[in-house]
Amino acid sequence: MKNGCTLKKIFKHLKTPSQIKKIAQKTLDIESEAIYNLKNYVNENFVKSVLLIQKSKGRVVVTGIGKSAIIGQKIVATLNSTGTPSIFMHAADAIHGDLGIIQKDDVIICISKSGDTPEIKILVPLLKSWGNKLIAIVGNIESYLGTSADLCLNTYVKQEACPNNLAPTSSSTAQLAMGDALAVCLLEMKGFSSKDFAKYHPGGALGKKLYLKTKDIFPHNESPRVFADDDLKKVIVEISSKRLGAAAVLQKNKLVGIITDGDLRRMLLTGKSIDNMKAKDIMSVNPKTADKDMMAVDALNLMKTHNISQLIITDKGKYAGMVHLHDLVKEGIL
């Protein structure tokens, strides 16, 4: 009987694929509504908060506890990556020695849903005693945190996506969105450009798209080249040995064309005699080229546009080398 009751409980909570989809969609609906309603709370306090951080000579110190602490760490990461120096201080650790992190010119952001947790009630008076400006991101502006802060940003939500209205879901999403709004405002006010962004993101595919140029790639490759009057045997050997599937065709050191392995295959399919053929007889004239200072991502777009796998790189108009589509894939910018 006991096992039977246990099985009933298990099967009671099983969901069909259709029910699972509905639960997910409802969650997203509730959270999207929470974010949409935040527009009503972008007020004078929000503007003052942005201006306060922009004019500050110090950093932004973000603090919180529980799920709000996790959101705080993400906000710190976003601020740092967009040019606003920031640091995270856990609220619980702060009251056990980490208050030393705070410097006199720092602006403090404290994040909390209720604004009335014991840790917050201990921490806020300590923060105020340091004389730093305190910005609250809080779900209840009438709370201890909301009324104690110098500036209060309202992140109230009607309900959590959790069916029990307990687990922080909508509320943490709203906190994150408000932090993003602050970061983007500061980014635009600083005139933060893609070049600035690249400085803070040198690693990974994103960074490479922002700073990698063709001159960073082609010197690592062979530089296949033949002359217009070279016979096809030399062309085939050059293309095969340099492993880029193509060779530039030069005439008195001037670039006049390109021969790819595809050109060779198409020539052989014609059935014509190759005994007296020269490179100039099968080359493609006016090949697509890129300057050595072209961004790698732009070179990739050029190759995609013209459906080519090799791109000739030039330096002051002269043949310098070649970039293959596989090079760009290897760099992770495809």
Protein backbone atom coordinates (compact mmCIF):
# COMPACT_ATOMS: atom_id res chain seq x y z
CA MET A 1 0.00 0.00 0.00
CA LYS A 2 2.84 2.34 0.89
CA ASN A 3 4.59 1.73 -2.43
CA GLY A 4 1.31 2.30 -4.25
CA CYS A 5 0.86 5.71 -2.57
CA THR A 6 4.44 6.66 -3.49
CA LEU A 7 3.86 5.77 -7.14
CA LYS A 8 0.67 7.84 -7.19
CA LYS A 9 2.60 10.84 -5.91
CA ILE A 10 5.26 10.36 -8.58
CA PHE A 11 2.79 10.00 -11.45
CA LYS A 12 0.76 12.96 -10.14
CA HIS A 13 3.69 15.27 -10.89
CA LEU A 14 4.61 13.84 -14.29
CA LYS A 15 3.97 16.28 -17.12
CA THR A 16 3.23 15.76 -20.79
CA PRO A 17 5.38 17.54 -23.41
CA SER A 18 2.49 19.95 -24.02
CA GLN A 19 2.25 20.78 -20.32
CA ILE A 20 6.01 21.32 -20.09
CA LYS A 21 5.87 23.80 -22.98
CA LYS A 22 2.99 25.67 -21.32
CA ILE A 23 4.88 25.93 -18.04
CA ALA A 24 7.95 27.32 -19.84
CA GLN A 25 5.86 29.79 -21.84
CA LYS A 26 4.04 30.97 -18.73
CA THR A 27 7.37 31.49 -16.96
CA LEU A 28 8.65 33.62 -19.82
CA ASP A 29 5.39 35.58 -19.97
CA ILE A 30 5.55 36.43 -16.26
CA GLU A 31 9.21 37.42 -16.41
CA SER A 32 8.82 39.48 -19.60
CA GLU A 33 5.92 41.36 -17.99
CA ALA A 34 8.11 42.04 -14.95
CA ILE A 35 10.82 43.56 -17.15
CA TYR A 36 8.30 45.53 -19.21
CA ASN A 37 6.84 47.09 -16.06
CA LEU A 38 10.29 48.32 -15.03
CA LYS A 39 9.90 51.13 -17.58
CA ASN A 40 7.48 52.75 -15.14
CA TYR A 41 10.25 52.90 -12.51
CA VAL A 42 12.86 54.61 -14.68
CA ASN A 43 12.47 57.96 -12.95
CA GLU A 44 14.47 60.87 -11.60
CA ASN A 45 16.23 58.59 -9.13
CA PHE A 46 17.44 56.44 -12.01
CA VAL A 47 18.85 59.48 -13.83
CA LYS A 48 20.53 60.73 -10.65
CA SER A 49 22.05 57.28 -10.12
CA VAL A 50 23.57 57.26 -13.61
CA LEU A 51 24.98 60.77 -13.17
CA LEU A 52 26.32 59.93 -9.70
CA ILE A 53 28.23 56.91 -11.03
CA GLN A 54 29.44 58.78 -14.10
CA LYS A 55 30.89 61.66 -12.05
CA SER A 56 32.38 59.42 -9.36
CA LYS A 57 36.16 59.25 -9.12
CA GLY A 58 35.92 55.86 -7.47
CA ARG A 59 34.49 52.48 -8.34
CA VAL A 60 31.04 50.95 -8.08
CA VAL A 61 30.84 48.49 -5.18
CA VAL A 62 27.89 46.13 -5.63
CA THR A 63 26.60 44.13 -2.66
CA GLY A 64 23.75 41.78 -1.84
CA ILE A 65 22.96 38.41 -0.34
CA GLY A 66 21.40 35.19 -1.64
CA LYS A 67 20.15 35.32 -5.23
CA SER A 68 20.63 39.11 -5.21
CA ALA A 69 24.35 38.51 -4.62
CA ILE A 70 24.52 36.34 -7.73
CA ILE A 71 22.77 39.04 -9.75
CA GLY A 72 25.17 41.58 -8.26
CA GLN A 73 28.17 39.65 -9.55
CA LYS A 74 26.73 39.66 -13.05
CA ILE A 75 26.07 43.41 -12.88
CA VAL A 76 29.67 43.95 -11.79
CA ALA A 77 30.88 41.90 -14.77
CA THR A 78 28.73 43.96 -17.15
CA LEU A 79 29.89 47.29 -15.70
CA ASN A 80 33.55 46.29 -15.85
CA SER A 81 33.27 45.06 -19.43
CA THR A 82 31.70 48.34 -20.53
CA GLY A 83 34.20 50.68 -18.91
CA THR A 84 32.80 51.32 -15.42
CA PRO A 85 35.26 49.95 -12.81
CA SER A 86 33.30 47.82 -10.34
CA ILE A 87 33.80 45.26 -7.61
CA PHE A 88 31.51 42.83 -5.79
CA MET A 89 31.26 42.63 -2.00
CA HIS A 90 29.08 39.92 -0.47
CA ALA A 91 26.79 41.38 2.20
CA ALA A 92 27.52 38.59 4.69
CA ASP A 93 31.28 38.89 4.21
CA ALA A 94 31.08 42.67 4.47
CA ILE A 95 30.03 42.55 8.10
CA HIS A 96 32.87 40.14 8.84
CA GLY A 97 35.77 42.21 7.54
CA ASP A 98 35.24 42.87 3.83
CA LEU A 99 34.10 46.47 4.40
CA GLY A 100 37.76 47.31 3.90
CA ILE A 101 37.11 46.90 0.17
CA ILE A 102 35.28 50.24 0.13
CA GLN A 103 37.26 53.36 -0.72
CA LYS A 104 36.16 56.93 -0.02
CA ASP A 105 35.07 57.82 -3.57
CA ASP A 106 33.22 54.57 -4.28
CA VAL A 107 29.51 54.46 -5.03
CA ILE A 108 27.71 51.52 -3.42
CA ILE A 109 24.81 49.62 -4.97
CA CYS A 110 22.91 47.35 -2.60
CA ILE A 111 20.53 44.80 -4.15
CA SER A 112 17.68 43.12 -2.30
CA LYS A 113 14.17 41.95 -3.05
CA SER A 114 12.64 42.65 0.35
CA GLY A 115 15.12 45.23 1.61
CA ASP A 116 14.50 43.98 5.15
CA THR A 117 16.76 40.95 5.61
CA PRO A 118 18.81 40.85 8.84
CA GLU A 119 22.11 41.14 6.97
CA ILE A 120 20.91 44.23 5.11
CA LYS A 121 19.73 45.88 8.34
CA ILE A 122 23.19 45.36 9.84
CA LEU A 123 25.07 46.36 6.70
CA VAL A 124 23.28 49.56 5.68
CA PRO A 125 24.15 51.65 8.77
CA LEU A 126 27.77 50.57 8.38
CA LEU A 127 27.78 51.62 4.72
CA LYS A 128 26.20 54.96 5.59
CA SER A 129 28.81 55.58 8.28
CA TRP A 130 31.55 55.53 5.67
CA GLY A 131 30.01 58.52 3.95
CA ASN A 132 29.69 56.81 0.55
CA LYS A 133 26.58 57.34 -1.56
CA LEU A 134 24.24 54.35 -1.46
CA ILE A 135 21.98 53.30 -4.32
CA ALA A 136 19.34 50.67 -3.59
CA ILE A 137 17.98 48.25 -6.18
CA VAL A 138 15.04 46.92 -4.21
CA GLY A 139 11.64 45.32 -4.70
CA ASN A 140 10.05 47.27 -1.85
CA ILE A 141 10.84 50.98 -1.78
CA GLU A 142 9.19 51.29 1.65
CA SER A 143 11.61 48.76 3.16
CA TYR A 144 14.53 49.54 5.45
CA LEU A 145 16.94 49.55 2.52
CA GLY A 146 14.60 51.55 0.30
CA THR A 147 14.14 54.33 2.84
CA SER A 148 17.77 54.38 4.00
CA ALA A 149 19.46 54.65 0.61
CA ASP A 150 20.41 57.95 -0.96
CA LEU A 151 18.77 56.86 -4.21
CA CYS A 152 16.27 54.04 -4.68
CA LEU A 153 15.63 52.09 -7.89
CA ASN A 154 12.35 50.21 -7.76
CA THR A 155 12.35 46.62 -9.05
CA TYR A 156 8.96 45.59 -7.71
CA VAL A 157 7.32 42.60 -9.41
CA LYS A 158 3.72 41.45 -9.08
CA GLN A 159 4.65 37.79 -8.79
CA GLU A 160 7.45 35.32 -9.11
CA ALA A 161 7.37 32.83 -11.97
CA CYS A 162 7.63 30.14 -9.32
CA PRO A 163 4.11 28.61 -8.87
CA ASN A 164 4.50 29.01 -5.10
CA ASN A 165 5.50 32.66 -5.56
CA LEU A 166 8.61 31.97 -3.48
CA ALA A 167 11.73 31.20 -5.54
CA PRO A 168 13.35 34.41 -6.85
CA THR A 169 12.68 34.33 -10.58
CA SER A 170 10.86 37.42 -11.82
CA SER A 171 12.43 39.51 -9.06
CA SER A 172 16.00 38.47 -9.87
CA THR A 173 15.32 38.97 -13.58
CA ALA A 174 14.09 42.50 -12.84
CA GLN A 175 17.21 43.25 -10.77
CA LEU A 176 19.42 42.07 -13.60
CA ALA A 177 17.55 44.13 -16.18
CA MET A 178 17.78 47.27 -14.04
CA GLY A 179 21.54 46.71 -13.70
CA ASP A 180 21.83 46.33 -17.46
CA ALA A 181 19.91 49.57 -17.95
CA LEU A 182 22.40 51.39 -15.70
CA ALA A 183 25.38 49.85 -17.52
CA VAL A 184 24.10 50.72 -21.00
CA CYS A 185 23.32 54.30 -20.00
CA LEU A 186 26.85 54.69 -18.62
CA LEU A 187 28.29 53.03 -21.72
CA GLU A 188 26.59 55.50 -24.05
CA MET A 189 27.43 58.52 -21.90
CA LYS A 190 31.10 57.52 -21.97
CA GLY A 191 31.00 57.16 -25.76
CA PHE A 192 32.20 53.59 -25.29
CA SER A 193 33.01 52.24 -28.77
CA SER A 194 33.59 48.79 -30.24
CA LYS A 195 37.34 49.52 -30.08
CA ASP A 196 37.03 50.19 -26.35
CA PHE A 197 35.01 47.00 -25.99
CA ALA A 198 37.78 45.05 -27.71
CA LYS A 199 40.29 46.25 -25.11
CA TYR A 200 38.29 44.56 -22.37
CA HIS A 201 37.49 41.43 -24.42
CA PRO A 202 40.76 40.36 -26.05
CA GLY A 203 40.02 36.66 -25.70
CA GLY A 204 37.48 34.44 -27.39
CA ALA A 205 35.57 34.79 -30.63
CA LEU A 206 33.97 38.08 -29.63
CA GLY A 207 37.28 39.78 -29.01
CA LYS A 208 38.79 38.46 -32.21
CA LYS A 209 35.95 39.90 -34.25
CA LEU A 210 36.78 43.30 -32.81
CA TYR A 211 40.57 43.36 -33.16
CA LEU A 212 41.87 40.53 -35.40
CA LYS A 213 43.13 41.68 -38.80
CA THR A 214 44.24 39.74 -41.86
CA LYS A 215 47.87 40.67 -41.13
CA ASP A 216 47.55 38.64 -37.91
CA ILE A 217 46.72 35.54 -39.95
CA PHE A 218 48.34 35.38 -43.38
CA PRO A 219 52.03 35.47 -42.23
CA HIS A 220 51.45 32.05 -40.62
CA ASN A 221 50.55 30.59 -44.03
CA GLU A 222 52.67 29.79 -47.04
CA SER A 223 52.60 32.38 -49.80
CA PRO A 224 51.77 30.39 -52.96
CA ARG A 225 52.66 32.18 -56.19
CA VAL A 226 53.39 31.38 -59.81
CA PHE A 227 54.17 33.53 -62.81
CA ALA A 228 51.87 34.03 -65.76
CA ASP A 229 54.16 32.07 -68.13
CA ASP A 230 54.78 29.11 -65.80
CA ASP A 231 53.61 25.73 -67.08
CA LEU A 232 50.79 23.81 -65.41
CA LYS A 233 53.14 21.32 -63.79
CA LYS A 234 54.69 24.09 -61.75
CA VAL A 235 51.22 25.47 -60.94
CA ILE A 236 50.03 22.08 -59.68
CA VAL A 237 53.16 21.56 -57.57
CA GLU A 238 52.89 25.05 -56.06
CA ILE A 239 49.21 24.69 -55.15
CA SER A 240 49.72 21.21 -53.72
CA SER A 241 52.84 22.03 -51.70
CA LYS A 242 51.52 25.24 -50.12
CA ARG A 243 48.25 23.57 -49.04
CA LEU A 244 45.98 26.59 -49.49
CA GLY A 245 44.16 25.30 -52.55
CA ALA A 246 45.24 28.25 -54.70
CA ALA A 247 48.15 30.28 -55.97
CA ALA A 248 48.45 33.94 -56.90
CA VAL A 249 49.55 34.63 -60.49
CA LEU A 250 52.15 37.35 -60.94
CA GLN A 251 53.60 39.09 -63.98
CA LYS A 252 56.73 41.10 -63.29
CA ASN A 253 55.77 40.98 -59.60
CA LYS A 254 52.37 42.50 -60.31
CA LEU A 255 49.29 40.54 -59.28
CA VAL A 256 47.33 39.58 -62.39
CA GLY A 257 45.20 36.63 -61.32
CA ILE A 258 44.57 33.58 -59.18
CA ILE A 259 44.39 29.84 -59.90
CA THR A 260 42.48 27.59 -57.52
CA ASP A 261 42.33 23.83 -57.40
CA GLY A 262 38.79 24.25 -58.73
CA ASP A 263 40.17 26.01 -61.80
CA LEU A 264 42.50 23.05 -62.37
CA ARG A 265 39.66 20.51 -62.09
CA ARG A 266 37.45 22.45 -64.49
CA MET A 267 40.32 22.73 -66.99
CA LEU A 268 40.94 18.98 -66.89
CA LEU A 269 37.24 18.27 -67.45
CA THR A 270 37.39 20.14 -70.78
CA GLY A 271 39.60 17.39 -72.20
CA LYS A 272 42.01 19.92 -73.75
CA SER A 273 45.70 19.12 -74.00
CA ILE A 274 47.68 20.63 -71.13
CA ASP A 275 51.12 20.18 -72.69
CA ASN A 276 51.55 23.79 -73.73
CA MET A 277 49.19 25.48 -71.28
CA LYS A 278 50.47 28.29 -69.10
CA ALA A 279 49.21 29.70 -65.86
CA LYS A 280 47.79 32.72 -67.67
CA ASP A 281 45.61 30.43 -69.79
CA ILE A 282 43.49 29.18 -66.89
CA MET A 283 43.82 31.88 -64.23
CA SER A 284 40.90 33.99 -63.04
CA VAL A 285 41.66 37.65 -63.62
CA ASN A 286 40.77 40.49 -61.22
CA PRO A 287 40.79 38.26 -58.11
CA LYS A 288 39.18 39.47 -54.90
CA THR A 289 41.75 40.98 -52.56
CA ALA A 290 41.93 42.45 -49.08
CA ASP A 291 44.44 44.85 -47.59
CA LYS A 292 46.57 43.47 -44.77
CA ASP A 293 44.88 45.90 -42.35
CA MET A 294 41.35 44.70 -43.15
CA MET A 295 39.51 43.29 -40.15
CA ALA A 296 39.36 39.50 -40.31
CA VAL A 297 35.59 39.55 -39.87
CA ASP A 298 35.28 41.87 -42.90
CA ALA A 299 37.49 39.53 -44.89
CA LEU A 300 35.18 36.70 -43.92
CA ASN A 301 32.14 38.63 -45.09
CA LEU A 302 33.89 39.35 -48.40
CA MET A 303 34.57 35.64 -48.89
CA LYS A 304 30.97 34.78 -48.06
CA THR A 305 29.62 37.40 -50.44
CA HIS A 306 31.66 36.10 -53.37
CA ASN A 307 31.48 32.42 -52.38
CA ILE A 308 35.25 31.96 -52.32
CA SER A 309 37.51 29.98 -50.00
CA GLN A 310 40.78 31.87 -50.55
CA LEU A 311 41.41 35.59 -50.31
CA ILE A 312 44.55 37.27 -51.58
CA ILE A 313 46.10 39.75 -49.11
CA THR A 314 47.91 42.81 -50.39
CA ASP A 315 50.33 45.28 -48.82
CA LYS A 316 50.33 48.67 -50.54
CA GLY A 317 48.82 47.01 -53.59
CA LYS A 318 51.43 44.27 -53.83
CA TYR A 319 50.83 40.57 -53.25
CA ALA A 320 51.64 39.68 -49.62
CA GLY A 321 49.99 36.33 -48.94
CA MET A 322 46.74 34.47 -48.70
CA VAL A 323 44.04 33.72 -46.13
CA HIS A 324 41.92 30.59 -46.37
CA LEU A 325 38.38 30.24 -45.06
CA HIS A 326 39.66 27.50 -42.74
CA ASP A 327 41.98 30.04 -41.07
CA LEU A 328 38.97 32.13 -40.07
CA VAL A 329 37.06 29.09 -38.87
CA LYS A 330 40.08 28.10 -36.77
CA GLU A 331 40.13 31.55 -35.20
CA GLY A 332 36.49 31.13 -34.24
CA ILE A 333 35.09 34.18 -36.01
CA LEU A 334 32.89 32.31 -38.50
